[in-house]
């Protein structure tokens, strides 16, 4: 289904960035296989179209070796992985959020 949707979007000339929002990296990281990463990565054309995945890691406890492996599969296929976490001034000072950002960066997830 993901391949079908991705293909349909990129048949439209004006679509240049595809952003997949999902918590699959945390909830079912084993679903991100090499075959899946290669399939998504095959749609990327530098300078023409791009794909990224946005997840929502809520705690540093959610960063596991399986999460690291699933992110690595995407990154080696040129798919950037970002994390969506609301960072207000107060929230960015909480040690839990700081620990989460550090843990995410270590496995290749870019917080924004």
N, C-alpha and C. Protein backbone atom coordinates (compact mmCIF):
# COMPACT_ATOMS: atom_id res chain seq x y z
N UNK A 1 0.83 -1.19 0.00
CA UNK A 1 0.00 0.00 0.00
C UNK A 1 0.88 1.26 0.00
N UNK A 2 1.96 1.24 0.77
CA UNK A 2 2.86 2.40 0.81
C UNK A 2 3.47 2.65 -0.56
N UNK A 3 3.88 1.57 -1.22
CA UNK A 3 4.46 1.73 -2.56
C UNK A 3 3.42 2.29 -3.54
N UNK A 4 2.21 1.81 -3.47
CA UNK A 4 1.15 2.29 -4.36
C UNK A 4 0.91 3.79 -4.16
N UNK A 5 0.79 4.21 -2.89
CA UNK A 5 0.55 5.63 -2.60
C UNK A 5 1.73 6.48 -3.03
N UNK A 6 2.93 6.03 -2.73
CA UNK A 6 4.14 6.78 -3.12
C UNK A 6 4.20 6.95 -4.64
N UNK A 7 3.97 5.88 -5.34
CA UNK A 7 4.01 5.93 -6.81
C UNK A 7 2.97 6.90 -7.35
N UNK A 8 1.76 6.85 -6.81
CA UNK A 8 0.69 7.74 -7.28
C UNK A 8 1.04 9.21 -7.02
N UNK A 9 1.59 9.51 -5.85
CA UNK A 9 1.97 10.89 -5.56
C UNK A 9 3.03 11.39 -6.53
N UNK A 10 4.03 10.57 -6.81
CA UNK A 10 5.11 11.01 -7.67
C UNK A 10 4.76 10.98 -9.16
N UNK A 11 3.59 10.48 -9.50
CA UNK A 11 3.10 10.63 -10.87
C UNK A 11 2.64 12.07 -11.12
N UNK A 12 2.41 12.80 -10.05
CA UNK A 12 2.02 14.21 -10.15
C UNK A 12 3.30 15.06 -10.20
N UNK A 13 3.48 15.79 -11.27
CA UNK A 13 4.71 16.55 -11.49
C UNK A 13 5.00 17.58 -10.40
N UNK A 14 3.96 18.13 -9.80
CA UNK A 14 4.18 19.20 -8.82
C UNK A 14 4.55 18.67 -7.43
N UNK A 15 4.48 17.37 -7.20
CA UNK A 15 4.87 16.81 -5.90
C UNK A 15 6.37 16.55 -5.93
N UNK A 16 7.08 17.27 -5.07
CA UNK A 16 8.54 17.09 -5.02
C UNK A 16 9.02 16.56 -3.68
N UNK A 17 8.23 16.73 -2.64
CA UNK A 17 8.58 16.22 -1.32
C UNK A 17 7.43 15.38 -0.78
N UNK A 18 7.76 14.19 -0.33
CA UNK A 18 6.76 13.32 0.28
C UNK A 18 7.19 13.08 1.72
N UNK A 19 6.31 13.39 2.64
CA UNK A 19 6.59 13.27 4.07
C UNK A 19 5.66 12.21 4.65
N UNK A 20 6.25 11.09 5.05
CA UNK A 20 5.48 10.04 5.69
C UNK A 20 5.54 10.25 7.20
N UNK A 21 4.40 10.46 7.84
CA UNK A 21 4.34 10.58 9.29
C UNK A 21 3.91 9.26 9.89
N UNK A 22 4.70 8.72 10.79
CA UNK A 22 4.41 7.40 11.35
C UNK A 22 5.14 7.17 12.67
N UNK A 23 4.55 6.34 13.50
CA UNK A 23 5.24 5.90 14.72
C UNK A 23 5.75 4.47 14.56
N UNK A 24 5.79 3.98 13.35
CA UNK A 24 6.18 2.59 13.11
C UNK A 24 7.62 2.32 13.57
N UNK A 25 8.48 3.33 13.55
CA UNK A 25 9.86 3.14 14.01
C UNK A 25 9.88 2.72 15.48
N UNK A 26 8.92 3.20 16.25
CA UNK A 26 8.86 2.89 17.68
C UNK A 26 7.96 1.68 17.94
N UNK A 27 6.82 1.62 17.29
CA UNK A 27 5.84 0.59 17.62
C UNK A 27 6.09 -0.75 16.92
N UNK A 28 6.52 -0.71 15.66
CA UNK A 28 6.77 -1.94 14.88
C UNK A 28 8.02 -1.78 14.02
N UNK A 29 9.18 -1.55 14.63
CA UNK A 29 10.38 -1.29 13.83
C UNK A 29 10.77 -2.43 12.90
N UNK A 30 10.33 -3.65 13.22
CA UNK A 30 10.67 -4.79 12.37
C UNK A 30 9.99 -4.73 11.01
N UNK A 31 8.99 -3.84 10.85
CA UNK A 31 8.32 -3.68 9.55
C UNK A 31 9.17 -2.89 8.56
N UNK A 32 10.16 -2.17 9.06
CA UNK A 32 11.08 -1.43 8.18
C UNK A 32 12.19 -2.41 7.81
N UNK A 33 12.04 -3.04 6.67
CA UNK A 33 13.01 -4.03 6.21
C UNK A 33 13.91 -3.41 5.14
N UNK A 34 14.97 -4.13 4.80
CA UNK A 34 15.84 -3.66 3.72
C UNK A 34 15.05 -3.50 2.43
N UNK A 35 14.17 -4.43 2.14
CA UNK A 35 13.36 -4.38 0.92
C UNK A 35 12.48 -3.13 0.93
N UNK A 36 11.88 -2.83 2.08
CA UNK A 36 11.02 -1.65 2.20
C UNK A 36 11.84 -0.37 2.01
N UNK A 37 13.00 -0.30 2.66
CA UNK A 37 13.87 0.87 2.52
C UNK A 37 14.32 1.08 1.08
N UNK A 38 14.69 0.00 0.41
CA UNK A 38 15.10 0.09 -1.00
C UNK A 38 13.95 0.54 -1.89
N UNK A 39 12.74 0.06 -1.59
CA UNK A 39 11.58 0.46 -2.38
C UNK A 39 11.34 1.96 -2.24
N UNK A 40 11.30 2.46 -1.01
CA UNK A 40 11.07 3.89 -0.82
C UNK A 40 12.21 4.72 -1.40
N UNK A 41 13.44 4.28 -1.17
CA UNK A 41 14.61 5.00 -1.67
C UNK A 41 14.67 5.05 -3.19
N UNK A 42 14.05 4.08 -3.85
CA UNK A 42 14.09 4.06 -5.31
C UNK A 42 13.30 5.21 -5.93
N UNK A 43 12.44 5.84 -5.18
CA UNK A 43 11.65 6.97 -5.69
C UNK A 43 12.36 8.31 -5.55
N UNK A 44 13.46 8.34 -4.84
CA UNK A 44 14.19 9.59 -4.62
C UNK A 44 15.03 9.91 -5.85
N UNK A 45 14.91 11.14 -6.32
CA UNK A 45 15.73 11.65 -7.41
C UNK A 45 16.31 12.97 -6.95
N UNK A 46 17.60 13.00 -6.60
CA UNK A 46 18.19 14.24 -6.09
C UNK A 46 17.93 15.43 -7.02
N UNK A 47 17.48 16.51 -6.43
CA UNK A 47 17.17 17.71 -7.19
C UNK A 47 15.78 17.71 -7.79
N UNK A 48 15.09 16.55 -7.74
CA UNK A 48 13.75 16.48 -8.32
C UNK A 48 12.69 16.08 -7.31
N UNK A 49 12.97 15.02 -6.53
CA UNK A 49 12.00 14.58 -5.54
C UNK A 49 12.69 13.96 -4.34
N UNK A 50 12.02 14.06 -3.21
CA UNK A 50 12.61 13.61 -1.96
C UNK A 50 11.54 12.95 -1.10
N UNK A 51 11.98 12.06 -0.24
CA UNK A 51 11.08 11.40 0.72
C UNK A 51 11.72 11.51 2.10
N UNK A 52 10.89 11.81 3.09
CA UNK A 52 11.37 11.77 4.47
C UNK A 52 10.30 11.10 5.33
N UNK A 53 10.71 10.60 6.45
CA UNK A 53 9.79 10.01 7.42
C UNK A 53 9.86 10.85 8.70
N UNK A 54 8.71 11.10 9.26
CA UNK A 54 8.63 11.85 10.51
C UNK A 54 7.97 10.94 11.53
N UNK A 55 8.63 10.75 12.64
CA UNK A 55 8.10 9.91 13.71
C UNK A 55 7.81 10.78 14.93
N UNK A 56 7.39 10.16 16.00
CA UNK A 56 7.08 10.89 17.22
C UNK A 56 7.59 10.07 18.40
N UNK A 57 8.87 10.21 18.67
CA UNK A 57 9.47 9.55 19.83
C UNK A 57 9.13 10.40 21.04
N UNK A 58 8.55 9.79 22.04
CA UNK A 58 8.11 10.54 23.21
C UNK A 58 9.05 10.43 24.40
N UNK A 59 9.94 9.45 24.38
CA UNK A 59 10.82 9.23 25.52
C UNK A 59 12.11 8.55 25.06
N UNK A 60 13.18 8.80 25.79
CA UNK A 60 14.44 8.13 25.46
C UNK A 60 14.33 6.62 25.66
N UNK A 61 13.37 6.18 26.47
CA UNK A 61 13.16 4.75 26.67
C UNK A 61 12.66 4.05 25.42
N UNK A 62 12.11 4.82 24.48
CA UNK A 62 11.62 4.23 23.24
C UNK A 62 12.73 3.97 22.23
N UNK A 63 13.91 4.48 22.47
CA UNK A 63 15.04 4.26 21.56
C UNK A 63 15.67 2.91 21.91
N UNK A 64 15.45 1.94 21.04
CA UNK A 64 15.94 0.58 21.25
C UNK A 64 16.87 0.19 20.10
N UNK A 65 17.57 -0.92 20.21
CA UNK A 65 18.38 -1.37 19.08
C UNK A 65 17.55 -1.60 17.81
N UNK A 66 16.29 -2.02 17.97
CA UNK A 66 15.43 -2.23 16.81
C UNK A 66 15.08 -0.91 16.14
N UNK A 67 14.85 0.12 16.94
CA UNK A 67 14.59 1.45 16.39
C UNK A 67 15.83 1.92 15.62
N UNK A 68 16.98 1.73 16.21
CA UNK A 68 18.23 2.12 15.57
C UNK A 68 18.40 1.44 14.22
N UNK A 69 18.12 0.15 14.16
CA UNK A 69 18.26 -0.60 12.91
C UNK A 69 17.27 -0.12 11.85
N UNK A 70 16.03 0.14 12.25
CA UNK A 70 15.04 0.59 11.27
C UNK A 70 15.39 1.97 10.73
N UNK A 71 15.90 2.85 11.58
CA UNK A 71 16.33 4.18 11.12
C UNK A 71 17.53 4.04 10.19
N UNK A 72 18.45 3.15 10.53
CA UNK A 72 19.64 2.93 9.71
C UNK A 72 19.25 2.45 8.31
N UNK A 73 18.26 1.60 8.21
CA UNK A 73 17.79 1.12 6.91
C UNK A 73 17.32 2.29 6.06
N UNK A 74 16.56 3.18 6.67
CA UNK A 74 16.08 4.35 5.91
C UNK A 74 17.23 5.27 5.54
N UNK A 75 18.10 5.55 6.48
CA UNK A 75 19.18 6.49 6.21
C UNK A 75 20.12 5.99 5.11
N UNK A 76 20.39 4.68 5.07
CA UNK A 76 21.28 4.18 4.03
C UNK A 76 20.62 4.19 2.66
N UNK A 77 19.29 4.37 2.63
CA UNK A 77 18.57 4.51 1.36
C UNK A 77 18.20 5.97 1.09
N UNK A 78 18.92 6.89 1.74
CA UNK A 78 18.79 8.33 1.52
C UNK A 78 17.46 8.91 1.97
N UNK A 79 16.82 8.24 2.92
CA UNK A 79 15.56 8.72 3.48
C UNK A 79 15.86 9.31 4.85
N UNK A 80 15.63 10.60 4.98
CA UNK A 80 15.87 11.26 6.26
C UNK A 80 14.75 10.91 7.22
N UNK A 81 15.10 10.79 8.50
CA UNK A 81 14.11 10.50 9.54
C UNK A 81 14.16 11.65 10.54
N UNK A 82 13.02 12.27 10.74
CA UNK A 82 12.90 13.38 11.67
C UNK A 82 11.96 12.99 12.80
N UNK A 83 12.04 13.72 13.89
CA UNK A 83 11.13 13.51 15.00
C UNK A 83 10.36 14.79 15.26
N UNK A 84 9.08 14.63 15.48
CA UNK A 84 8.23 15.77 15.77
C UNK A 84 7.97 15.79 17.27
N UNK A 85 8.53 16.75 17.95
CA UNK A 85 8.34 16.93 19.38
C UNK A 85 8.18 18.41 19.63
N UNK A 86 7.10 18.77 20.28
CA UNK A 86 6.86 20.19 20.54
C UNK A 86 7.89 20.67 21.54
N UNK A 87 8.69 21.64 21.12
CA UNK A 87 9.74 22.16 21.98
C UNK A 87 9.47 23.63 22.32
N UNK A 88 8.77 23.81 23.41
CA UNK A 88 8.63 25.16 23.93
C UNK A 88 9.86 25.46 24.77
N UNK A 89 10.02 26.68 25.19
CA UNK A 89 11.17 27.03 26.01
C UNK A 89 11.21 26.19 27.27
N UNK A 90 10.06 26.00 27.90
CA UNK A 90 10.01 25.22 29.14
C UNK A 90 10.30 23.74 28.88
N UNK A 91 9.69 23.20 27.82
CA UNK A 91 9.87 21.77 27.52
C UNK A 91 11.30 21.45 27.12
N UNK A 92 11.97 22.37 26.44
CA UNK A 92 13.33 22.08 25.99
C UNK A 92 14.33 22.03 27.14
N UNK A 93 13.95 22.53 28.30
CA UNK A 93 14.84 22.50 29.45
C UNK A 93 14.63 21.26 30.32
N UNK A 94 13.57 20.53 30.09
CA UNK A 94 13.31 19.33 30.89
C UNK A 94 14.33 18.27 30.57
N UNK A 95 14.88 17.66 31.59
CA UNK A 95 15.95 16.69 31.37
C UNK A 95 15.46 15.50 30.55
N UNK A 96 14.17 15.14 30.67
CA UNK A 96 13.66 14.01 29.90
C UNK A 96 13.72 14.31 28.40
N UNK A 97 13.35 15.52 28.02
CA UNK A 97 13.38 15.88 26.60
C UNK A 97 14.80 16.02 26.09
N UNK A 98 15.69 16.51 26.93
CA UNK A 98 17.09 16.60 26.53
C UNK A 98 17.65 15.19 26.30
N UNK A 99 17.34 14.28 27.21
CA UNK A 99 17.80 12.89 27.07
C UNK A 99 17.22 12.25 25.81
N UNK A 100 15.97 12.56 25.51
CA UNK A 100 15.33 12.02 24.31
C UNK A 100 16.01 12.54 23.06
N UNK A 101 16.29 13.83 23.00
CA UNK A 101 16.96 14.40 21.83
C UNK A 101 18.35 13.80 21.63
N UNK A 102 19.09 13.61 22.71
CA UNK A 102 20.43 13.02 22.62
C UNK A 102 20.33 11.57 22.11
N UNK A 103 19.39 10.80 22.66
CA UNK A 103 19.23 9.41 22.24
C UNK A 103 18.82 9.32 20.77
N UNK A 104 17.94 10.22 20.33
CA UNK A 104 17.51 10.20 18.93
C UNK A 104 18.67 10.52 18.00
N UNK A 105 19.46 11.52 18.32
CA UNK A 105 20.60 11.89 17.47
C UNK A 105 21.59 10.73 17.35
N UNK A 106 21.76 9.97 18.43
CA UNK A 106 22.69 8.85 18.39
C UNK A 106 22.28 7.77 17.41
N UNK A 107 20.96 7.61 17.17
CA UNK A 107 20.51 6.57 16.25
C UNK A 107 20.17 7.13 14.87
N UNK A 108 20.32 8.44 14.66
CA UNK A 108 20.11 9.00 13.33
C UNK A 108 18.79 9.69 13.11
N UNK A 109 18.04 9.93 14.17
CA UNK A 109 16.78 10.67 14.05
C UNK A 109 17.09 12.14 14.35
N UNK A 110 16.70 13.01 13.43
CA UNK A 110 16.93 14.45 13.62
C UNK A 110 15.71 15.09 14.25
N UNK A 111 15.86 15.64 15.45
CA UNK A 111 14.72 16.34 16.06
C UNK A 111 14.50 17.68 15.38
N UNK A 112 13.27 18.09 15.28
CA UNK A 112 12.98 19.44 14.78
C UNK A 112 11.80 20.02 15.49
